[in-house]
């Protein structure tokens, strides 16, 4: 299912035999270890330890238990088959995101999805809404939402496209939260979905953020030395087109982002001009 690898991607962290271990794979393993430890703590009657690691807006705001902003996602309670489904989403679709965005960008995405709900609930505490939360369901659903934003037309289940599966799961989860009056879980789900949309949109160039001119201290790249209006070399144009054409062949032209369409059009115009000049 991999379409285009990011040039910033360094490949797998390591290999277990013939199995590549990516960051998403390692994080899934960490959650598996956390599941075992959570089960052992519950069997030993150490609920106080688990509660100290769960997110409590009251504890974070008044007792400065800031570690709970992170640790809440690694406290897992039965039924454990739900976590197995979450880890499947993380390993399979997280690896695709990591290959597309690069390792560092995927780590940023995961940290944002991890912190966005707990920070939002902490802010809600100042408005008088005290909350308790644990688990990683919304976090890993946010990973799948990010995948659906990158590959909206990818066919996953019985030729159903990823965007429709993501929308269906979002609707089902939202309706379930409303039926149970579980507004806390609904807020966490919304925080992760919005965070995934904003992050992927920023990565794909749909949202931009520019610093003031004085704050921009970037050195000009070697390609920009020839002037801002200089055309790319023929080899550069082919390097731009090849991965985009591969993505079109795998997922269709509808999977291209706005930035990729612009690159394709510029490269095509350059090659046409070169052929006409010769």
C-alpha atoms as a PDB file:
ATOM      1  CA  UNK A   1       0.000   0.000   0.000  1.00  0.00           C
ATOM      2  CA  UNK A   2       3.039   2.307   0.243  1.00  0.00           C
ATOM      3  CA  UNK A   3       2.823   4.923  -2.501  1.00  0.00           C
ATOM      4  CA  UNK A   4       5.567   7.476  -2.027  1.00  0.00           C
ATOM      5  CA  UNK A   5       8.380   7.464   0.491  1.00  0.00           C
ATOM      6  CA  UNK A   6       9.436  10.714   2.072  1.00  0.00           C
ATOM      7  CA  UNK A   7      13.063  11.714   1.414  1.00  0.00           C
ATOM      8  CA  UNK A   8      13.322  12.402   5.158  1.00  0.00           C
ATOM      9  CA  UNK A   9      12.471   8.779   5.969  1.00  0.00           C
ATOM     10  CA  UNK A  10      15.437   6.740   7.220  1.00  0.00           C
ATOM     11  CA  UNK A  11      13.686   3.415   6.840  1.00  0.00           C
ATOM     12  CA  UNK A  12      12.966   0.955   9.642  1.00  0.00           C
ATOM     13  CA  UNK A  13      14.510   1.413  13.071  1.00  0.00           C
ATOM     14  CA  UNK A  14      15.702  -2.197  12.981  1.00  0.00           C
ATOM     15  CA  UNK A  15      14.750  -5.635  11.696  1.00  0.00           C
ATOM     16  CA  UNK A  16      13.449  -8.705  13.489  1.00  0.00           C
ATOM     17  CA  UNK A  17      14.447 -11.359  11.007  1.00  0.00           C
ATOM     18  CA  UNK A  18      12.682 -10.295   7.815  1.00  0.00           C
ATOM     19  CA  UNK A  19      10.199  -8.089   9.677  1.00  0.00           C
ATOM     20  CA  UNK A  20      10.895  -4.304   9.585  1.00  0.00           C
ATOM     21  CA  UNK A  21      10.398  -2.451  12.856  1.00  0.00           C
ATOM     22  CA  UNK A  22       9.224   1.128  12.357  1.00  0.00           C
ATOM     23  CA  UNK A  23       8.489   3.724  15.033  1.00  0.00           C
ATOM     24  CA  UNK A  24       4.812   2.772  14.819  1.00  0.00           C
ATOM     25  CA  UNK A  25       5.746  -0.876  15.390  1.00  0.00           C
ATOM     26  CA  UNK A  26       7.874   0.000  18.420  1.00  0.00           C
ATOM     27  CA  UNK A  27       5.092   2.134  19.913  1.00  0.00           C
ATOM     28  CA  UNK A  28       2.633  -0.732  19.408  1.00  0.00           C
ATOM     29  CA  UNK A  29       5.031  -3.005  21.273  1.00  0.00           C
ATOM     30  CA  UNK A  30       5.216  -0.467  24.084  1.00  0.00           C
ATOM     31  CA  UNK A  31       1.432  -0.492  24.360  1.00  0.00           C
ATOM     32  CA  UNK A  32       1.514  -4.290  24.455  1.00  0.00           C
ATOM     33  CA  UNK A  33       3.913  -4.200  27.404  1.00  0.00           C
ATOM     34  CA  UNK A  34       1.703  -1.574  29.085  1.00  0.00           C
ATOM     35  CA  UNK A  35      -1.301  -3.875  28.651  1.00  0.00           C
ATOM     36  CA  UNK A  36       0.485  -6.708  30.464  1.00  0.00           C
ATOM     37  CA  UNK A  37       1.610  -4.415  33.295  1.00  0.00           C
ATOM     38  CA  UNK A  38      -1.891  -2.948  33.632  1.00  0.00           C
ATOM     39  CA  UNK A  39      -3.390  -6.427  33.872  1.00  0.00           C
ATOM     40  CA  UNK A  40      -0.845  -7.486  36.497  1.00  0.00           C
ATOM     41  CA  UNK A  41      -1.468  -4.322  38.527  1.00  0.00           C
ATOM     42  CA  UNK A  42      -5.213  -4.964  38.494  1.00  0.00           C
ATOM     43  CA  UNK A  43      -4.675  -8.593  39.520  1.00  0.00           C
ATOM     44  CA  UNK A  44      -2.464  -7.452  42.402  1.00  0.00           C
ATOM     45  CA  UNK A  45      -5.037  -4.923  43.566  1.00  0.00           C
ATOM     46  CA  UNK A  46      -2.832  -1.922  42.779  1.00  0.00           C
ATOM     47  CA  UNK A  47      -5.672   0.323  41.604  1.00  0.00           C
ATOM     48  CA  UNK A  48      -4.061   3.289  43.365  1.00  0.00           C
ATOM     49  CA  UNK A  49      -1.000   2.985  41.114  1.00  0.00           C
ATOM     50  CA  UNK A  50      -3.138   2.866  37.985  1.00  0.00           C
ATOM     51  CA  UNK A  51      -5.191   5.839  39.134  1.00  0.00           C
ATOM     52  CA  UNK A  52      -2.010   7.860  39.656  1.00  0.00           C
ATOM     53  CA  UNK A  53      -1.147   7.279  35.991  1.00  0.00           C
ATOM     54  CA  UNK A  54      -4.621   7.909  34.565  1.00  0.00           C
ATOM     55  CA  UNK A  55      -5.459  11.428  33.465  1.00  0.00           C
ATOM     56  CA  UNK A  56      -7.252  13.496  36.084  1.00  0.00           C
ATOM     57  CA  UNK A  57      -7.778  17.145  35.286  1.00  0.00           C
ATOM     58  CA  UNK A  58      -8.056  17.861  39.007  1.00  0.00           C
ATOM     59  CA  UNK A  59      -4.702  16.173  39.738  1.00  0.00           C
ATOM     60  CA  UNK A  60      -2.963  17.924  36.841  1.00  0.00           C
ATOM     61  CA  UNK A  61      -4.242  21.391  37.707  1.00  0.00           C
ATOM     62  CA  UNK A  62      -4.053  21.249  41.504  1.00  0.00           C
ATOM     63  CA  UNK A  63      -1.352  18.661  42.233  1.00  0.00           C
ATOM     64  CA  UNK A  64       0.839  19.268  39.183  1.00  0.00           C
ATOM     65  CA  UNK A  65       0.674  15.618  38.128  1.00  0.00           C
ATOM     66  CA  UNK A  66       1.846  16.598  34.641  1.00  0.00           C
ATOM     67  CA  UNK A  67       3.007  13.061  33.776  1.00  0.00           C
ATOM     68  CA  UNK A  68      -0.645  12.138  33.466  1.00  0.00           C
ATOM     69  CA  UNK A  69      -0.777  14.191  30.267  1.00  0.00           C
ATOM     70  CA  UNK A  70       1.246  11.334  28.690  1.00  0.00           C
ATOM     71  CA  UNK A  71       0.717   8.202  30.790  1.00  0.00           C
ATOM     72  CA  UNK A  72      -3.083   8.060  30.495  1.00  0.00           C
ATOM     73  CA  UNK A  73      -2.835   6.455  27.045  1.00  0.00           C
ATOM     74  CA  UNK A  74      -0.806   3.519  28.395  1.00  0.00           C
ATOM     75  CA  UNK A  75      -3.357   2.465  31.020  1.00  0.00           C
ATOM     76  CA  UNK A  76      -5.399  -0.303  29.431  1.00  0.00           C
ATOM     77  CA  UNK A  77      -8.444  -1.980  30.921  1.00  0.00           C
ATOM     78  CA  UNK A  78     -10.602  -4.867  29.671  1.00  0.00           C
ATOM     79  CA  UNK A  79     -11.880  -5.769  27.132  1.00  0.00           C
ATOM     80  CA  UNK A  80      -8.409  -6.158  25.667  1.00  0.00           C
ATOM     81  CA  UNK A  81      -9.543  -7.144  22.169  1.00  0.00           C
ATOM     82  CA  UNK A  82     -10.327  -3.470  21.586  1.00  0.00           C
ATOM     83  CA  UNK A  83      -6.659  -2.657  22.129  1.00  0.00           C
ATOM     84  CA  UNK A  84      -5.656  -5.367  19.645  1.00  0.00           C
ATOM     85  CA  UNK A  85      -7.771  -3.602  17.011  1.00  0.00           C
ATOM     86  CA  UNK A  86      -6.177  -0.276  17.950  1.00  0.00           C
ATOM     87  CA  UNK A  87      -2.669  -1.715  17.604  1.00  0.00           C
ATOM     88  CA  UNK A  88      -3.602  -3.107  14.206  1.00  0.00           C
ATOM     89  CA  UNK A  89      -4.538   0.408  13.112  1.00  0.00           C
ATOM     90  CA  UNK A  90      -1.289   1.736  14.528  1.00  0.00           C
ATOM     91  CA  UNK A  91       1.038  -0.858  12.980  1.00  0.00           C
ATOM     92  CA  UNK A  92      -0.538  -1.051   9.527  1.00  0.00           C
ATOM     93  CA  UNK A  93      -1.609   2.525   8.894  1.00  0.00           C
ATOM     94  CA  UNK A  94       1.002   4.161  11.109  1.00  0.00           C
ATOM     95  CA  UNK A  95       3.718   2.553   8.995  1.00  0.00           C
ATOM     96  CA  UNK A  96       2.174   4.045   5.847  1.00  0.00           C
ATOM     97  CA  UNK A  97       2.043   7.502   7.426  1.00  0.00           C
ATOM     98  CA  UNK A  98       5.633   7.154   8.613  1.00  0.00           C
ATOM     99  CA  UNK A  99       6.781   6.197   5.117  1.00  0.00           C
ATOM    100  CA  UNK A 100       4.929   9.125   3.564  1.00  0.00           C
ATOM    101  CA  UNK A 101       5.735  11.905   6.051  1.00  0.00           C
ATOM    102  CA  UNK A 102       9.052  10.664   7.398  1.00  0.00           C
ATOM    103  CA  UNK A 103      10.020   9.383  10.810  1.00  0.00           C
ATOM    104  CA  UNK A 104      10.315  12.742  12.583  1.00  0.00           C
ATOM    105  CA  UNK A 105       6.958  13.987  11.252  1.00  0.00           C
ATOM    106  CA  UNK A 106       5.226  10.782  12.356  1.00  0.00           C
ATOM    107  CA  UNK A 107       6.653  11.158  15.868  1.00  0.00           C
ATOM    108  CA  UNK A 108       5.339  14.731  15.965  1.00  0.00           C
ATOM    109  CA  UNK A 109       1.923  13.542  14.811  1.00  0.00           C
ATOM    110  CA  UNK A 110       1.775  10.852  17.493  1.00  0.00           C
ATOM    111  CA  UNK A 111       2.807  13.270  20.236  1.00  0.00           C
ATOM    112  CA  UNK A 112       0.186  15.789  19.099  1.00  0.00           C
ATOM    113  CA  UNK A 113      -2.520  13.118  19.113  1.00  0.00           C
ATOM    114  CA  UNK A 114      -1.313  12.034  22.555  1.00  0.00           C
ATOM    115  CA  UNK A 115      -1.272  15.506  24.125  1.00  0.00           C
ATOM    116  CA  UNK A 116      -4.192  17.256  22.392  1.00  0.00           C
ATOM    117  CA  UNK A 117      -6.981  15.540  24.391  1.00  0.00           C
ATOM    118  CA  UNK A 118      -5.288  15.813  27.791  1.00  0.00           C
ATOM    119  CA  UNK A 119      -4.388  19.470  27.273  1.00  0.00           C
ATOM    120  CA  UNK A 120      -7.937  20.242  26.108  1.00  0.00           C
ATOM    121  CA  UNK A 121      -9.465  18.483  29.122  1.00  0.00           C
ATOM    122  CA  UNK A 122      -7.032  20.298  31.409  1.00  0.00           C
ATOM    123  CA  UNK A 123      -8.219  23.631  30.031  1.00  0.00           C
ATOM    124  CA  UNK A 124     -11.822  22.522  30.522  1.00  0.00           C
ATOM    125  CA  UNK A 125     -11.068  22.028  34.222  1.00  0.00           C
ATOM    126  CA  UNK A 126     -10.674  25.797  34.572  1.00  0.00           C
ATOM    127  CA  UNK A 127     -14.276  26.079  33.340  1.00  0.00           C
ATOM    128  CA  UNK A 128     -15.424  23.715  36.066  1.00  0.00           C
ATOM    129  CA  UNK A 129     -15.518  20.490  34.025  1.00  0.00           C
ATOM    130  CA  UNK A 130     -13.435  17.929  35.920  1.00  0.00           C
ATOM    131  CA  UNK A 131     -12.602  14.766  33.989  1.00  0.00           C
ATOM    132  CA  UNK A 132     -10.963  11.354  34.340  1.00  0.00           C
ATOM    133  CA  UNK A 133      -9.688   9.516  31.299  1.00  0.00           C
ATOM    134  CA  UNK A 134      -7.505   6.549  30.347  1.00  0.00           C
ATOM    135  CA  UNK A 135      -6.875   4.511  27.216  1.00  0.00           C
ATOM    136  CA  UNK A 136      -5.713   5.069  23.652  1.00  0.00           C
ATOM    137  CA  UNK A 137      -8.803   4.414  21.509  1.00  0.00           C
ATOM    138  CA  UNK A 138      -9.176   7.980  20.233  1.00  0.00           C
ATOM    139  CA  UNK A 139      -5.419   8.341  19.833  1.00  0.00           C
ATOM    140  CA  UNK A 140      -5.121   5.391  17.465  1.00  0.00           C
ATOM    141  CA  UNK A 141      -8.312   6.287  15.654  1.00  0.00           C
ATOM    142  CA  UNK A 142      -6.643   9.646  15.004  1.00  0.00           C
ATOM    143  CA  UNK A 143      -3.784   7.736  13.341  1.00  0.00           C
ATOM    144  CA  UNK A 144      -6.282   6.100  10.988  1.00  0.00           C
ATOM    145  CA  UNK A 145      -7.909   9.476  10.274  1.00  0.00           C
ATOM    146  CA  UNK A 146      -4.466  10.814   9.320  1.00  0.00           C
ATOM    147  CA  UNK A 147      -4.009   7.881   6.930  1.00  0.00           C
ATOM    148  CA  UNK A 148      -7.432   8.522   5.370  1.00  0.00           C
ATOM    149  CA  UNK A 149      -6.484  12.167   4.829  1.00  0.00           C
ATOM    150  CA  UNK A 150      -3.269  11.178   3.051  1.00  0.00           C
ATOM    151  CA  UNK A 151      -4.805   8.332   1.011  1.00  0.00           C
ATOM    152  CA  UNK A 152      -8.546   9.122   0.869  1.00  0.00           C
ATOM    153  CA  UNK A 153      -9.211   6.853  -2.131  1.00  0.00           C
ATOM    154  CA  UNK A 154      -7.191   3.866  -0.906  1.00  0.00           C
ATOM    155  CA  UNK A 155      -9.378   0.756  -0.969  1.00  0.00           C
ATOM    156  CA  UNK A 156      -9.211  -1.108   2.341  1.00  0.00           C
ATOM    157  CA  UNK A 157     -12.229  -3.236   3.193  1.00  0.00           C
ATOM    158  CA  UNK A 158     -14.214  -4.842   0.345  1.00  0.00           C
ATOM    159  CA  UNK A 159     -13.003  -2.063  -2.010  1.00  0.00           C
ATOM    160  CA  UNK A 160     -14.420   0.627   0.308  1.00  0.00           C
ATOM    161  CA  UNK A 161     -12.282   3.748   0.252  1.00  0.00           C
ATOM    162  CA  UNK A 162     -10.462   4.850   3.386  1.00  0.00           C
ATOM    163  CA  UNK A 163     -12.292   8.190   3.630  1.00  0.00           C
ATOM    164  CA  UNK A 164     -15.703   6.503   3.830  1.00  0.00           C
ATOM    165  CA  UNK A 165     -14.528   4.002   6.447  1.00  0.00           C
ATOM    166  CA  UNK A 166     -13.090   6.848   8.548  1.00  0.00           C
ATOM    167  CA  UNK A 167     -16.337   8.837   8.296  1.00  0.00           C
ATOM    168  CA  UNK A 168     -18.444   5.786   9.162  1.00  0.00           C
ATOM    169  CA  UNK A 169     -16.335   4.923  12.219  1.00  0.00           C
ATOM    170  CA  UNK A 170     -16.366   8.555  13.331  1.00  0.00           C
ATOM    171  CA  UNK A 171     -20.161   8.686  13.052  1.00  0.00           C
ATOM    172  CA  UNK A 172     -20.600   5.402  14.950  1.00  0.00           C
ATOM    173  CA  UNK A 173     -18.242   6.424  17.750  1.00  0.00           C
ATOM    174  CA  UNK A 174     -19.857   9.847  18.052  1.00  0.00           C
ATOM    175  CA  UNK A 175     -23.365   8.424  18.201  1.00  0.00           C
ATOM    176  CA  UNK A 176     -22.277   5.895  20.811  1.00  0.00           C
ATOM    177  CA  UNK A 177     -20.809   8.645  22.990  1.00  0.00           C
ATOM    178  CA  UNK A 178     -23.982  10.705  22.649  1.00  0.00           C
ATOM    179  CA  UNK A 179     -26.225   7.734  23.463  1.00  0.00           C
ATOM    180  CA  UNK A 180     -24.224   7.034  26.628  1.00  0.00           C
ATOM    181  CA  UNK A 181     -23.930  10.752  27.489  1.00  0.00           C
ATOM    182  CA  UNK A 182     -20.157  10.195  27.458  1.00  0.00           C
ATOM    183  CA  UNK A 183     -19.257  13.748  26.502  1.00  0.00           C
ATOM    184  CA  UNK A 184     -15.727  13.324  27.821  1.00  0.00           C
ATOM    185  CA  UNK A 185     -14.914  10.576  25.300  1.00  0.00           C
ATOM    186  CA  UNK A 186     -16.644  12.611  22.592  1.00  0.00           C
ATOM    187  CA  UNK A 187     -14.407  15.589  23.402  1.00  0.00           C
ATOM    188  CA  UNK A 188     -11.292  13.389  23.276  1.00  0.00           C
ATOM    189  CA  UNK A 189     -12.376  11.936  19.926  1.00  0.00           C
ATOM    190  CA  UNK A 190     -13.013  15.400  18.517  1.00  0.00           C
ATOM    191  CA  UNK A 191      -9.668  16.706  19.770  1.00  0.00           C
ATOM    192  CA  UNK A 192      -7.728  13.894  18.086  1.00  0.00           C
ATOM    193  CA  UNK A 193      -9.651  14.083  14.804  1.00  0.00           C
ATOM    194  CA  UNK A 194      -9.248  17.861  14.552  1.00  0.00           C
ATOM    195  CA  UNK A 195      -5.548  17.577  15.447  1.00  0.00           C
ATOM    196  CA  UNK A 196      -5.016  14.946  12.745  1.00  0.00           C
ATOM    197  CA  UNK A 197      -6.772  17.116  10.154  1.00  0.00           C
ATOM    198  CA  UNK A 198      -4.750  20.201  11.028  1.00  0.00           C
ATOM    199  CA  UNK A 199      -1.416  18.377  11.108  1.00  0.00           C
ATOM    200  CA  UNK A 200      -1.885  16.557   7.798  1.00  0.00           C
ATOM    201  CA  UNK A 201      -3.260  19.700   6.201  1.00  0.00           C
ATOM    202  CA  UNK A 202      -0.161  21.591   7.298  1.00  0.00           C
ATOM    203  CA  UNK A 203       2.130  18.838   6.007  1.00  0.00           C
ATOM    204  CA  UNK A 204       0.383  18.822   2.621  1.00  0.00           C
ATOM    205  CA  UNK A 205       0.540  22.600   2.289  1.00  0.00           C
ATOM    206  CA  UNK A 206      -3.169  23.295   2.707  1.00  0.00           C
ATOM    207  CA  UNK A 207      -2.399  25.360   5.807  1.00  0.00           C
ATOM    208  CA  UNK A 208       0.651  27.612   5.855  1.00  0.00           C
ATOM    209  CA  UNK A 209       2.392  29.550   8.564  1.00  0.00           C
ATOM    210  CA  UNK A 210       4.946  32.230   7.674  1.00  0.00           C
ATOM    211  CA  UNK A 211       7.212  34.009  10.086  1.00  0.00           C
ATOM    212  CA  UNK A 212       7.905  37.736   9.740  1.00  0.00           C
ATOM    213  CA  UNK A 213      10.662  38.524   7.234  1.00  0.00           C
ATOM    214  CA  UNK A 214      13.181  39.390   9.947  1.00  0.00           C
ATOM    215  CA  UNK A 215      12.595  36.020  11.617  1.00  0.00           C
ATOM    216  CA  UNK A 216      13.284  34.097   8.421  1.00  0.00           C
ATOM    217  CA  UNK A 217      16.950  33.188   8.555  1.00  0.00           C
ATOM    218  CA  UNK A 218      16.945  30.286   6.149  1.00  0.00           C
ATOM    219  CA  UNK A 219      19.892  30.149   3.784  1.00  0.00           C
ATOM    220  CA  UNK A 220      19.065  29.925   0.067  1.00  0.00           C
ATOM    221  CA  UNK A 221      19.211  26.400  -1.275  1.00  0.00           C
ATOM    222  CA  UNK A 222      21.645  25.562  -4.085  1.00  0.00           C
ATOM    223  CA  UNK A 223      18.785  25.488  -6.587  1.00  0.00           C
ATOM    224  CA  UNK A 224      17.679  29.026  -5.669  1.00  0.00           C
ATOM    225  CA  UNK A 225      21.121  30.564  -6.327  1.00  0.00           C
ATOM    226  CA  UNK A 226      20.416  30.775 -10.046  1.00  0.00           C
ATOM    227  CA  UNK A 227      17.396  33.009  -9.364  1.00  0.00           C
ATOM    228  CA  UNK A 228      13.799  32.590  -8.293  1.00  0.00           C
ATOM    229  CA  UNK A 229      12.556  32.228 -11.885  1.00  0.00           C
ATOM    230  CA  UNK A 230      15.081  29.625 -12.980  1.00  0.00           C
ATOM    231  CA  UNK A 231      13.613  26.406 -14.334  1.00  0.00           C
ATOM    232  CA  UNK A 232      14.553  22.997 -12.928  1.00  0.00           C
ATOM    233  CA  UNK A 233      17.042  20.860 -14.767  1.00  0.00           C
ATOM    234  CA  UNK A 234      15.700  18.040 -16.900  1.00  0.00           C
ATOM    235  CA  UNK A 235      16.896  15.419 -14.405  1.00  0.00           C
ATOM    236  CA  UNK A 236      15.214  17.332 -11.556  1.00  0.00           C
ATOM    237  CA  UNK A 237      11.925  17.443 -13.468  1.00  0.00           C
ATOM    238  CA  UNK A 238      11.993  13.695 -13.997  1.00  0.00           C
ATOM    239  CA  UNK A 239      12.804  13.154 -10.318  1.00  0.00           C
ATOM    240  CA  UNK A 240       9.694  15.170  -9.452  1.00  0.00           C
ATOM    241  CA  UNK A 241       7.411  13.369 -11.906  1.00  0.00           C
ATOM    242  CA  UNK A 242       8.422   9.755 -11.231  1.00  0.00           C
ATOM    243  CA  UNK A 243       7.112   9.364  -7.640  1.00  0.00           C
ATOM    244  CA  UNK A 244       3.958  11.309  -8.492  1.00  0.00           C
ATOM    245  CA  UNK A 245       3.234   9.066 -11.488  1.00  0.00           C
ATOM    246  CA  UNK A 246       3.788   6.031  -9.280  1.00  0.00           C
ATOM    247  CA  UNK A 247       1.276   7.391  -6.789  1.00  0.00           C
ATOM    248  CA  UNK A 248      -1.259   7.977  -9.589  1.00  0.00           C
ATOM    249  CA  UNK A 249      -0.803   4.423 -10.864  1.00  0.00           C
ATOM    250  CA  UNK A 250      -1.448   2.992  -7.383  1.00  0.00           C
ATOM    251  CA  UNK A 251      -4.192   5.236  -6.022  1.00  0.00           C
ATOM    252  CA  UNK A 252      -5.483   7.301  -8.954  1.00  0.00           C
ATOM    253  CA  UNK A 253      -5.071  10.981  -9.764  1.00  0.00           C
ATOM    254  CA  UNK A 254      -7.590  11.895  -7.074  1.00  0.00           C
ATOM    255  CA  UNK A 255      -5.048  10.937  -4.400  1.00  0.00           C
ATOM    256  CA  UNK A 256      -2.705  13.805  -5.362  1.00  0.00           C
ATOM    257  CA  UNK A 257      -2.430  16.734  -3.021  1.00  0.00           C
ATOM    258  CA  UNK A 258      -2.609  20.342  -4.198  1.00  0.00           C
ATOM    259  CA  UNK A 259       1.173  20.680  -3.885  1.00  0.00           C
ATOM    260  CA  UNK A 260       1.782  17.493  -5.883  1.00  0.00           C
ATOM    261  CA  UNK A 261      -0.529  18.712  -8.672  1.00  0.00           C
ATOM    262  CA  UNK A 262       1.416  21.981  -8.867  1.00  0.00           C
ATOM    263  CA  UNK A 263       4.730  20.111  -9.035  1.00  0.00           C
ATOM    264  CA  UNK A 264       3.406  17.833 -11.771  1.00  0.00           C
ATOM    265  CA  UNK A 265       2.134  20.776 -13.812  1.00  0.00           C
ATOM    266  CA  UNK A 266       5.422  22.711 -13.486  1.00  0.00           C
ATOM    267  CA  UNK A 267       7.482  19.669 -14.444  1.00  0.00           C
ATOM    268  CA  UNK A 268       5.202  18.954 -17.407  1.00  0.00           C
ATOM    269  CA  UNK A 269       5.447  22.551 -18.638  1.00  0.00           C
ATOM    270  CA  UNK A 270       9.235  22.461 -18.332  1.00  0.00           C
ATOM    271  CA  UNK A 271       9.542  19.232 -20.302  1.00  0.00           C
ATOM    272  CA  UNK A 272       7.201  20.578 -23.034  1.00  0.00           C
ATOM    273  CA  UNK A 273       9.264  23.764 -23.290  1.00  0.00           C
ATOM    274  CA  UNK A 274      12.487  21.753 -23.467  1.00  0.00           C
ATOM    275  CA  UNK A 275      11.159  19.514 -26.229  1.00  0.00           C
ATOM    276  CA  UNK A 276       9.894  22.535 -28.164  1.00  0.00           C
ATOM    277  CA  UNK A 277      13.239  24.288 -27.836  1.00  0.00           C
ATOM    278  CA  UNK A 278      15.141  21.319 -29.144  1.00  0.00           C
END
